[in-house]
Amino acid sequence: MDVRSWDDLRQIADARQLDLAVIDPAALGRPAIAAAADFASAFPVLPILVYTIASPTTTEALRRLSEHGVNEALLHPYEGPPATVRKKLRDARRDHLLESFLQTLSRPLSLLSPQLQSTIRKMFASPEQFSAASDLALGARLPVSAVYRALHEAGLQSPKKMFIAARLLNAYTRLCHSKDSVKCVARQLGYASPRVLGLHSCAALGVRPKKLRSVSPPDVIERLYAWTVSQ
């Protein structure tokens, strides 16, 4: 859907007719940068992908937007394969969902050491690189027992449940915004078999992986919040 002005884009976003906005914040110079930043601030739950021409204003535009959680960008003219563009669109949605979820966990995460916080963020960004509490401990430079203790004291569930939440968030965006099969996504995320992904999805989200497309992002965040926070 094409729009001709920032006001038009705001009206469409207000009507909740978008699941992703692709914008060029440098098209009209600094006034457009300010408008883009205002738009990103007004719609924090909407994933945004920047598609812009490299110019002196591009760096400023990307910096301003990064302050509002907008970190995905392509430079025009982009001549790569369509698959790469689709991946960028998917990543914009994924990154936004991850940030939204981590924001809901901001209070318990703030009670952790900076190194453990950083390692947990890395785990959510690349869950396939983590498989055990020892991986969290290695990244945070802590004994495994200290990781368990820190999570418990912060009101969070075990490392295993954190792993599961990280993988399910990524599985959700990959299944919803690509044609990858459940088997393919399970392999990408480091699962030994699709069956394990299915067990995790049923336990934490209440649906099988093939049904994840019917669950809204807010519902995913709410269910995984309940899964990861100690009651």
Protein backbone atom coordinates (compact mmCIF):
# COMPACT_ATOMS: atom_id res chain seq x y z
CA MET A 1 0.00 0.00 0.00
CA ASP A 2 1.55 3.32 -1.13
CA VAL A 3 1.02 6.57 0.76
CA ARG A 4 1.77 10.15 -0.30
CA SER A 5 2.39 11.88 3.01
CA TRP A 6 3.25 11.29 6.65
CA ASP A 7 -0.31 12.29 7.55
CA ASP A 8 -1.67 9.56 5.27
CA LEU A 9 0.69 7.03 6.86
CA ARG A 10 -0.42 8.07 10.34
CA GLN A 11 -4.08 7.65 9.40
CA ILE A 12 -3.45 4.15 8.06
CA ALA A 13 -1.41 3.21 11.13
CA ASP A 14 -4.12 4.64 13.40
CA ALA A 15 -6.63 2.38 11.66
CA ARG A 16 -4.31 -0.58 12.38
CA GLN A 17 -4.14 -1.52 8.71
CA LEU A 18 -0.38 -2.08 8.76
CA ASP A 19 1.81 -4.87 10.10
CA LEU A 20 5.00 -3.21 8.77
CA ALA A 21 5.90 0.29 7.53
CA VAL A 22 8.65 0.86 4.92
CA ILE A 23 9.76 4.49 5.02
CA ASP A 24 12.36 6.84 3.51
CA PRO A 25 13.18 9.35 6.26
CA ALA A 26 15.77 11.22 4.16
CA ALA A 27 13.60 11.83 1.09
CA LEU A 28 12.87 15.47 1.95
CA GLY A 29 15.89 16.27 4.11
CA ARG A 30 15.81 17.11 7.80
CA PRO A 31 12.07 17.91 8.02
CA ALA A 32 11.34 14.31 6.90
CA ILE A 33 13.81 12.98 9.46
CA ALA A 34 11.89 14.74 12.21
CA ALA A 35 8.59 13.44 10.82
CA ALA A 36 9.95 9.89 10.64
CA ALA A 37 11.21 10.07 14.22
CA ASP A 38 7.84 11.41 15.37
CA PHE A 39 6.07 8.59 13.52
CA ALA A 40 8.31 5.93 15.08
CA SER A 41 7.71 7.46 18.50
CA ALA A 42 3.93 7.60 17.99
CA PHE A 43 3.70 3.95 16.87
CA PRO A 44 6.18 2.01 19.02
CA VAL A 45 4.42 -1.33 18.38
CA LEU A 46 4.68 -1.06 14.57
CA PRO A 47 7.75 -2.65 12.91
CA ILE A 48 9.54 -0.21 10.59
CA LEU A 49 12.04 -0.85 7.78
CA VAL A 50 14.05 2.09 6.41
CA TYR A 51 14.57 2.13 2.61
CA THR A 52 16.58 5.19 1.67
CA ILE A 53 19.27 6.64 -0.62
CA ALA A 54 22.77 7.04 0.78
CA SER A 55 23.27 10.76 1.39
CA PRO A 56 24.65 13.15 4.02
CA THR A 57 21.30 13.02 5.81
CA THR A 58 21.06 9.21 5.84
CA THR A 59 23.37 8.76 8.82
CA GLU A 60 21.46 11.33 10.86
CA ALA A 61 18.15 9.70 9.91
CA LEU A 62 19.31 6.23 10.95
CA ARG A 63 20.73 7.59 14.20
CA ARG A 64 17.51 9.39 15.10
CA LEU A 65 15.37 6.37 14.27
CA SER A 66 17.62 3.98 16.19
CA GLU A 67 16.68 5.95 19.31
CA HIS A 68 13.13 4.67 18.73
CA GLY A 69 14.14 1.05 18.13
CA VAL A 70 14.24 1.22 14.33
CA ASN A 71 17.37 -0.70 13.28
CA GLU A 72 16.58 -2.40 9.96
CA ALA A 73 17.54 -0.59 6.74
CA LEU A 74 18.18 -1.09 3.01
CA LEU A 75 19.92 1.45 0.78
CA HIS A 76 18.40 2.42 -2.59
CA PRO A 77 18.93 1.36 -5.31
CA TYR A 78 19.03 -2.17 -3.92
CA GLU A 79 19.79 -4.79 -6.57
CA GLY A 80 20.09 -7.92 -4.48
CA PRO A 81 17.87 -11.00 -4.78
CA PRO A 82 14.23 -10.78 -3.64
CA ALA A 83 14.96 -13.34 -0.94
CA THR A 84 17.29 -10.86 0.77
CA VAL A 85 14.59 -8.17 0.77
CA ARG A 86 12.10 -10.64 2.22
CA LYS A 87 14.62 -11.52 4.91
CA LYS A 88 15.03 -7.83 5.79
CA LEU A 89 11.26 -7.43 6.08
CA ARG A 90 11.06 -10.52 8.29
CA ASP A 91 13.98 -9.36 10.42
CA ALA A 92 12.34 -5.97 10.95
CA ARG A 93 9.27 -7.72 12.33
CA ARG A 94 11.36 -10.14 14.39
CA ASP A 95 13.59 -7.47 15.91
CA HIS A 96 10.60 -5.35 16.82
CA LEU A 97 8.85 -8.30 18.46
CA LEU A 98 11.98 -9.18 20.43
CA GLU A 99 12.43 -5.62 21.65
CA SER A 100 8.76 -5.42 22.61
CA PHE A 101 9.05 -8.64 24.59
CA LEU A 102 12.30 -7.65 26.28
CA GLN A 103 10.71 -4.34 27.20
CA THR A 104 8.00 -6.23 29.10
CA LEU A 105 10.84 -7.94 31.00
CA SER A 106 12.70 -4.68 31.63
CA ARG A 107 12.07 -4.66 35.38
CA PRO A 108 13.38 -8.18 36.18
CA LEU A 109 16.18 -7.80 33.63
CA SER A 110 17.28 -4.58 35.32
CA LEU A 111 17.97 -6.60 38.48
CA LEU A 112 20.59 -8.68 36.67
CA SER A 113 24.24 -7.80 36.16
CA PRO A 114 24.99 -5.89 32.92
CA GLN A 115 26.91 -8.87 31.53
CA LEU A 116 24.06 -11.29 32.20
CA GLN A 117 21.54 -8.83 30.74
CA SER A 118 23.68 -8.51 27.60
CA THR A 119 24.05 -12.28 27.26
CA ILE A 120 20.29 -12.82 27.59
CA ARG A 121 19.72 -10.24 24.86
CA LYS A 122 22.19 -12.07 22.63
CA MET A 123 20.36 -15.31 23.35
CA PHE A 124 17.06 -13.82 22.23
CA ALA A 125 18.68 -12.41 19.08
CA SER A 126 20.47 -15.67 18.19
CA PRO A 127 18.91 -18.54 20.17
CA GLU A 128 20.54 -21.17 17.96
CA GLN A 129 23.88 -20.24 19.58
CA PHE A 130 22.66 -21.23 23.07
CA SER A 131 21.64 -24.64 24.32
CA ALA A 132 22.35 -24.83 28.04
CA ALA A 133 22.73 -22.79 31.21
CA SER A 134 26.49 -23.13 30.79
CA ASP A 135 26.26 -20.99 27.61
CA LEU A 136 24.62 -18.19 29.59
CA ALA A 137 27.19 -18.59 32.32
CA LEU A 138 30.07 -18.44 29.83
CA GLY A 139 28.73 -15.29 28.20
CA ALA A 140 28.10 -13.59 31.55
CA ARG A 141 31.37 -14.85 33.06
CA LEU A 142 29.52 -16.37 36.00
CA PRO A 143 29.31 -19.84 37.54
CA VAL A 144 26.25 -21.77 36.39
CA SER A 145 24.89 -21.74 39.95
CA ALA A 146 25.16 -17.95 40.00
CA VAL A 147 23.08 -17.71 36.80
CA TYR A 148 20.29 -19.80 38.33
CA ARG A 149 20.42 -17.74 41.51
CA ALA A 150 20.41 -14.40 39.69
CA LEU A 151 17.40 -15.34 37.56
CA HIS A 152 15.50 -16.61 40.59
CA GLU A 153 16.22 -13.47 42.60
CA ALA A 154 15.11 -11.29 39.68
CA GLY A 155 11.77 -13.12 39.49
CA LEU A 156 12.57 -15.00 36.28
CA GLN A 157 12.18 -18.67 35.48
CA SER A 158 15.02 -21.13 34.83
CA PRO A 159 17.55 -20.77 31.99
CA LYS A 160 15.73 -23.58 30.16
CA LYS A 161 12.49 -21.62 30.10
CA MET A 162 14.37 -18.53 28.92
CA PHE A 163 15.89 -20.62 26.08
CA ILE A 164 12.44 -21.82 25.11
CA ALA A 165 11.01 -18.29 25.07
CA ALA A 166 13.87 -17.06 22.88
CA ARG A 167 13.43 -19.86 20.38
CA LEU A 168 9.65 -19.53 20.25
CA LEU A 169 9.79 -15.78 19.58
CA ASN A 170 12.09 -16.42 16.66
CA ALA A 171 10.05 -19.40 15.47
CA TYR A 172 6.91 -17.25 15.52
CA THR A 173 8.29 -14.55 13.21
CA ARG A 174 9.93 -17.05 10.87
CA LEU A 175 6.74 -19.06 10.49
CA CYS A 176 4.48 -16.01 10.17
CA HIS A 177 6.60 -14.08 7.68
CA SER A 178 8.24 -16.72 5.51
CA LYS A 179 7.30 -19.90 3.67
CA ASP A 180 9.70 -21.98 5.77
CA SER A 181 8.26 -25.22 7.09
CA VAL A 182 8.11 -26.10 10.78
CA LYS A 183 10.86 -28.64 10.13
CA CYS A 184 13.07 -26.00 8.50
CA VAL A 185 12.51 -23.45 11.28
CA ALA A 186 13.20 -26.07 13.95
CA ARG A 187 16.51 -26.88 12.28
CA GLN A 188 17.43 -23.18 11.94
CA LEU A 189 16.86 -22.64 15.66
CA GLY A 190 18.94 -25.60 16.78
CA TYR A 191 16.15 -28.02 17.69
CA ALA A 192 17.06 -31.70 17.54
CA SER A 193 13.67 -32.38 15.93
CA PRO A 194 10.46 -30.53 14.99
CA ARG A 195 8.67 -32.57 17.65
CA VAL A 196 10.56 -30.73 20.40
CA LEU A 197 9.55 -27.37 18.91
CA GLY A 198 5.97 -28.63 18.91
CA LEU A 199 6.15 -29.62 22.57
CA HIS A 200 7.59 -26.23 23.52
CA SER A 201 4.98 -24.34 21.50
CA CYS A 202 2.11 -26.26 23.08
CA ALA A 203 3.53 -25.83 26.59
CA ALA A 204 4.33 -22.12 26.40
CA LEU A 205 1.87 -20.77 23.82
CA GLY A 206 -0.93 -23.31 23.91
CA VAL A 207 -0.86 -24.02 20.17
CA ARG A 208 1.01 -26.25 17.76
CA PRO A 209 3.65 -24.55 15.55
CA LYS A 210 1.42 -24.76 12.46
CA LYS A 211 -1.20 -22.71 14.31
CA LEU A 212 1.19 -19.94 15.38
CA ARG A 213 0.16 -17.79 12.43
CA SER A 214 -3.27 -17.41 14.03
CA VAL A 215 -1.80 -15.93 17.25
CA SER A 216 -1.34 -12.14 17.38
CA PRO A 217 2.01 -10.61 18.43
CA PRO A 218 0.52 -9.11 21.64
CA ASP A 219 -0.82 -12.55 22.59
CA VAL A 220 2.57 -14.14 21.97
CA ILE A 221 4.23 -11.56 24.19
CA GLU A 222 1.62 -11.99 26.93
CA ARG A 223 1.85 -15.79 26.95
CA LEU A 224 5.65 -15.84 26.93
CA TYR A 225 5.76 -13.24 29.68
CA ALA A 226 3.70 -15.58 31.86
CA TRP A 227 6.05 -18.41 30.84
CA THR A 228 9.26 -16.60 31.79
CA VAL A 229 8.28 -14.67 34.93
CA SER A 230 7.94 -16.42 38.28
CA GLN A 231 4.39 -16.26 39.64
